[in-house]
Protein backbone atom coordinates (compact mmCIF):
# COMPACT_ATOMS: atom_id res chain seq x y z
CA MET A 1 -161.51 -156.66 -127.46
CA LYS A 2 -160.04 -160.08 -127.75
CA ASN A 3 -162.13 -161.13 -130.57
CA GLN A 4 -161.10 -157.21 -132.31
CA SER A 5 -157.59 -158.39 -132.02
CA GLN A 6 -158.03 -161.75 -133.64
CA ASN A 7 -160.27 -160.51 -136.34
CA ARG A 8 -157.44 -157.85 -136.92
CA ARG A 9 -154.87 -160.56 -137.18
CA GLN A 10 -156.76 -162.60 -139.45
CA PHE A 11 -157.09 -159.92 -141.88
CA LEU A 12 -153.64 -159.08 -142.19
CA ALA A 13 -152.71 -162.57 -142.40
CA LYS A 14 -154.91 -162.73 -145.44
CA THR A 15 -153.38 -159.89 -147.22
CA GLY A 16 -149.97 -161.17 -146.95
CA LYS A 17 -146.69 -160.43 -145.21
CA ALA A 18 -145.84 -157.68 -147.76
CA GLY A 19 -149.06 -155.60 -146.50
CA ILE A 20 -147.57 -155.95 -142.80
CA ALA A 21 -144.33 -154.51 -144.18
CA LEU A 22 -145.91 -151.65 -146.20
CA ALA A 23 -147.67 -150.48 -143.15
CA SER A 24 -144.17 -149.92 -141.11
CA MET A 25 -142.96 -147.56 -144.32
CA PRO A 26 -142.98 -143.86 -144.11
CA LEU A 27 -146.61 -142.39 -145.22
CA LEU A 28 -146.14 -140.25 -148.86
CA THR A 29 -148.01 -137.20 -149.37
CA LYS A 30 -148.29 -138.26 -153.01
CA ILE A 31 -148.55 -141.95 -153.77
CA MET A 32 -147.35 -143.18 -157.17
CA PRO A 33 -148.31 -146.51 -158.47
CA ASP A 34 -146.29 -149.48 -159.29
CA ALA A 35 -144.24 -148.59 -162.56
CA THR A 36 -145.19 -151.93 -164.05
CA ILE A 37 -148.72 -150.76 -164.55
CA LEU A 38 -148.23 -147.24 -165.75
CA GLY A 39 -149.42 -146.33 -168.93
CA SER A 40 -151.02 -143.43 -171.23
CA SER A 41 -154.73 -144.49 -170.91
CA ASP A 42 -157.49 -145.17 -168.32
CA PHE A 43 -156.14 -148.20 -168.05
CA SER A 44 -153.51 -147.59 -165.82
CA GLN A 45 -153.10 -146.96 -162.03
CA GLN A 46 -153.28 -143.39 -161.23
CA ALA A 47 -151.57 -142.00 -158.07
CA LEU A 48 -153.73 -141.34 -155.15
CA PRO A 49 -154.67 -137.59 -154.52
CA TYR A 50 -153.89 -137.64 -151.06
CA SER A 51 -151.76 -139.36 -148.71
CA TYR A 52 -152.84 -142.70 -146.76
CA THR A 53 -153.29 -140.62 -143.58
CA ALA A 54 -155.88 -137.91 -145.18
CA LEU A 55 -158.85 -139.47 -144.29
CA GLU A 56 -158.69 -140.45 -141.08
CA PRO A 57 -160.55 -140.83 -138.80
CA TYR A 58 -163.16 -142.29 -140.85
CA ILE A 59 -160.93 -144.57 -142.98
CA ASP A 60 -157.24 -145.44 -141.21
CA ALA A 61 -153.92 -145.22 -143.10
CA MET A 62 -153.57 -148.86 -142.96
CA THR A 63 -156.59 -149.81 -144.53
CA MET A 64 -155.84 -147.06 -147.20
CA GLU A 65 -152.31 -148.23 -147.93
CA ILE A 66 -153.19 -152.13 -148.35
CA HIS A 67 -156.44 -151.27 -150.38
CA TYR A 68 -154.60 -149.23 -153.06
CA THR A 69 -151.07 -150.67 -153.21
CA LYS A 70 -152.40 -154.35 -152.96
CA HIS A 71 -156.14 -154.51 -153.85
CA ALA A 72 -156.67 -152.05 -156.53
CA ALA A 73 -153.01 -152.56 -158.01
CA THR A 74 -154.04 -156.03 -158.29
CA TYR A 75 -156.77 -155.02 -160.49
CA ALA A 76 -154.43 -153.00 -162.78
CA LYS A 77 -151.99 -155.64 -163.46
CA ASN A 78 -154.52 -158.21 -164.10
CA LEU A 79 -156.58 -155.99 -166.60
CA ALA A 80 -153.29 -155.47 -168.28
CA ASP A 81 -152.85 -159.39 -168.70
CA ALA A 82 -156.34 -159.68 -169.89
CA CYS A 83 -156.23 -156.69 -172.48
CA VAL A 84 -152.95 -158.56 -173.88
CA ALA A 85 -154.40 -162.16 -173.79
CA GLU A 86 -157.77 -160.77 -175.25
CA LYS A 87 -156.21 -158.72 -177.91
CA VAL A 88 -157.95 -155.28 -176.66
CA ASP A 89 -155.94 -152.29 -177.91
CA THR A 90 -155.99 -149.92 -174.98
CA SER A 91 -154.33 -146.94 -177.09
CA ASN A 92 -157.37 -146.88 -179.38
CA THR A 93 -160.31 -148.29 -176.80
CA SER A 94 -161.83 -146.68 -173.70
CA LEU A 95 -162.27 -148.43 -170.52
CA SER A 96 -166.01 -147.28 -170.29
CA SER A 97 -166.54 -148.80 -173.92
CA LEU A 98 -165.16 -152.10 -173.03
CA LEU A 99 -167.29 -152.10 -169.99
CA ASN A 100 -170.27 -151.25 -172.21
CA ASN A 101 -169.55 -154.44 -173.96
CA ILE A 102 -168.42 -156.59 -171.03
CA SER A 103 -170.55 -159.69 -171.84
CA LYS A 104 -168.12 -160.50 -175.07
CA TYR A 105 -165.25 -160.81 -172.22
CA SER A 106 -163.83 -163.37 -170.22
CA PRO A 107 -164.55 -163.32 -166.31
CA LYS A 108 -161.21 -162.07 -165.64
CA MET A 109 -161.57 -159.38 -167.86
CA ARG A 110 -165.02 -158.63 -166.51
CA ASN A 111 -163.70 -158.45 -162.81
CA ASN A 112 -160.44 -156.78 -163.18
CA ALA A 113 -161.75 -153.85 -165.94
CA GLY A 114 -164.60 -153.85 -163.25
CA GLY A 115 -162.47 -153.59 -160.34
CA HIS A 116 -159.78 -151.08 -161.86
CA PHE A 117 -162.57 -148.67 -163.01
CA ASN A 118 -164.33 -148.93 -159.44
CA HIS A 119 -161.38 -148.14 -157.94
CA GLU A 120 -160.16 -145.36 -159.73
CA MET A 121 -163.20 -143.76 -159.18
CA PHE A 122 -163.35 -144.51 -155.69
CA TRP A 123 -160.33 -142.58 -154.89
CA GLN A 124 -161.35 -139.48 -156.71
CA LEU A 125 -164.74 -139.40 -155.04
CA MET A 126 -163.61 -139.01 -151.35
CA LYS A 127 -161.36 -136.01 -150.09
CA PRO A 128 -160.38 -134.96 -146.37
CA ALA A 129 -163.16 -134.21 -144.39
CA PRO A 130 -164.79 -131.65 -143.13
CA ALA A 131 -167.96 -133.08 -144.95
CA THR A 132 -169.94 -130.82 -147.65
CA THR A 133 -172.92 -130.86 -149.25
CA PRO A 134 -173.81 -131.25 -153.33
CA SER A 135 -175.03 -127.91 -154.97
CA GLY A 136 -176.24 -126.52 -157.85
CA VAL A 137 -178.12 -129.13 -160.35
CA LEU A 138 -177.39 -132.07 -158.88
CA ALA A 139 -178.64 -130.94 -155.45
CA GLU A 140 -182.05 -129.91 -157.34
CA GLN A 141 -182.11 -133.45 -158.77
CA ILE A 142 -181.59 -135.25 -155.78
CA ASN A 143 -184.36 -133.40 -154.07
CA LYS A 144 -186.86 -134.00 -157.04
CA THR A 145 -185.99 -137.65 -157.15
CA PHE A 146 -185.34 -138.81 -153.61
CA GLY A 147 -187.36 -136.12 -151.72
CA SER A 148 -184.19 -134.39 -149.72
CA LEU A 149 -180.03 -135.37 -149.47
CA THR A 150 -181.37 -137.00 -145.96
CA ASP A 151 -183.82 -139.46 -147.86
CA PHE A 152 -181.25 -140.20 -150.48
CA GLN A 153 -178.61 -140.99 -148.35
CA LYS A 154 -180.77 -143.30 -146.40
CA ALA A 155 -181.79 -144.84 -149.87
CA PHE A 156 -177.94 -145.17 -150.68
CA GLY A 157 -176.87 -146.68 -147.41
CA GLU A 158 -179.89 -149.42 -147.72
CA ALA A 159 -178.55 -150.43 -151.11
CA ALA A 160 -174.96 -150.36 -149.25
CA LYS A 161 -176.02 -152.58 -146.52
CA ALA A 162 -178.27 -154.82 -148.45
CA ARG A 163 -175.64 -155.87 -151.06
CA PHE A 164 -175.05 -159.32 -149.71
CA GLY A 165 -171.22 -160.39 -149.59
CA SER A 166 -168.83 -158.06 -151.69
CA GLY A 167 -170.08 -155.34 -154.08
CA TRP A 168 -170.51 -151.54 -154.60
CA ALA A 169 -173.36 -148.90 -154.01
CA TRP A 170 -173.99 -146.63 -156.71
CA LEU A 171 -176.06 -143.20 -157.55
CA LEU A 172 -176.21 -143.24 -161.27
CA VAL A 173 -177.48 -141.18 -164.24
CA LYS A 174 -179.83 -143.58 -166.25
CA ALA A 175 -180.08 -142.90 -170.20
CA ASP A 176 -183.31 -140.80 -169.94
CA GLY A 177 -181.11 -138.53 -167.43
CA SER A 178 -182.80 -139.52 -164.31
CA LEU A 179 -181.06 -140.40 -161.17
CA ALA A 180 -181.37 -144.13 -159.68
CA VAL A 181 -179.93 -146.01 -156.50
CA SER A 182 -178.29 -149.39 -156.99
CA SER A 183 -175.86 -151.84 -156.09
CA THR A 184 -173.59 -154.46 -157.80
CA PRO A 185 -171.94 -157.90 -156.92
CA ASN A 186 -168.29 -158.24 -156.64
CA GLN A 187 -166.70 -155.64 -159.18
CA ASP A 188 -169.38 -154.93 -161.35
CA ASN A 189 -171.15 -151.49 -162.17
CA PRO A 190 -173.75 -150.08 -163.85
CA LEU A 191 -171.67 -149.34 -167.05
CA MET A 192 -171.58 -152.92 -167.71
CA ASP A 193 -174.28 -154.48 -170.34
CA ILE A 194 -174.76 -157.23 -167.74
CA ALA A 195 -175.63 -154.69 -165.16
CA GLU A 196 -179.33 -155.04 -163.74
CA VAL A 197 -179.79 -151.31 -163.43
CA LYS A 198 -177.74 -149.57 -166.27
CA GLY A 199 -176.27 -146.09 -166.46
CA THR A 200 -173.59 -143.79 -165.69
CA PRO A 201 -172.17 -144.12 -162.22
CA ILE A 202 -171.24 -140.77 -160.48
CA LEU A 203 -171.03 -141.82 -156.83
CA GLY A 204 -170.10 -145.47 -155.71
CA LEU A 205 -169.31 -147.01 -152.42
CA ASP A 206 -166.89 -150.14 -152.03
CA VAL A 207 -168.56 -152.66 -149.44
CA TRP A 208 -166.06 -155.06 -150.00
CA GLU A 209 -164.50 -156.21 -146.38
CA HIS A 210 -160.90 -154.95 -147.37
CA ALA A 211 -162.20 -151.20 -147.55
CA TYR A 212 -163.32 -151.06 -143.72
CA TYR A 213 -162.71 -154.33 -141.98
CA LEU A 214 -159.57 -153.28 -139.83
CA LYS A 215 -161.53 -150.04 -138.55
CA TYR A 216 -165.01 -151.25 -138.58
CA GLN A 217 -164.81 -155.00 -138.30
CA ASN A 218 -168.56 -156.50 -139.05
CA LYS A 219 -170.24 -153.33 -138.77
CA ARG A 220 -170.79 -151.94 -142.34
CA PRO A 221 -173.49 -149.60 -141.45
CA ASP A 222 -170.71 -147.60 -139.09
CA TYR A 223 -168.42 -147.14 -142.12
CA ILE A 224 -171.11 -146.29 -144.39
CA ASN A 225 -172.28 -143.44 -142.19
CA ALA A 226 -168.86 -142.38 -141.50
CA TRP A 227 -167.99 -142.31 -145.43
CA TRP A 228 -170.27 -139.20 -145.75
CA ASN A 229 -168.03 -137.30 -144.15
CA LEU A 230 -165.71 -137.89 -146.98
CA VAL A 231 -167.48 -137.25 -150.31
CA ASN A 232 -166.41 -135.17 -152.53
CA TRP A 233 -169.29 -133.83 -153.88
CA ASP A 234 -167.36 -131.30 -156.19
CA PHE A 235 -166.39 -134.36 -158.11
CA VAL A 236 -169.73 -136.38 -158.23
CA GLN A 237 -171.19 -132.57 -159.37
CA ASN A 238 -168.96 -132.71 -162.40
CA LYS A 239 -169.50 -136.34 -163.31
CA TYR A 240 -173.49 -135.47 -163.31
CA GLN A 241 -172.41 -132.65 -165.57
CA VAL A 242 -170.60 -134.68 -167.96
CA ALA A 243 -173.37 -137.67 -167.88
CA ILE A 244 -176.13 -135.35 -168.74
CA THR A 245 -174.20 -133.37 -171.28
CA GLN A 246 -173.69 -137.00 -173.04
CA LYS A 247 -177.46 -137.98 -172.78
């Protein structure tokens, strides 16, 4: 218990005093982003579709609050700055197309465009428990590709656990329409032209420590296993339908 308390204090110290102050504020039922980040395109931070407490007990409210208002908000702000500096017309460019050509841009653009895209998708990929399962064509393809939902979850979990340091695990649709599991470092994703496994991501798990450390400390496998209780399979199914339609 003593080591856990020390770890918790160290984590909060890293996030800054502002993060601690936010934790004492009343929890909102609809979370609005910083007004300086708002815009009319997918380059802007959107409101969370649920409250900070909604994903408990699997993801705690303080983690959600710090994750959304500090980490994700910073990616959105830095992306906006990078777009100005590198003369990206966000009114005439999609975030996906920018990621498809990310090798042409700076490391700042790569890190923050990826970070913004990944987090905006991540919030939508979750919903309050109880857990559901995939259905329809997506369920059929998961069974065809991996053998069963359990086998898919095992492969996905292994990719998430094996990602050294910070990064993401993905279920993606490849160019030929097939499903694949991969992982990427830092804030990279399969849309990027520098990705080892390229495709359209339809499910992603954030395995940066800030996504789980307050509750799970160094037990990333426990976080991964708990996260399946929150997956919004309806959203994943919709992402899959769009992806295969565009192939």
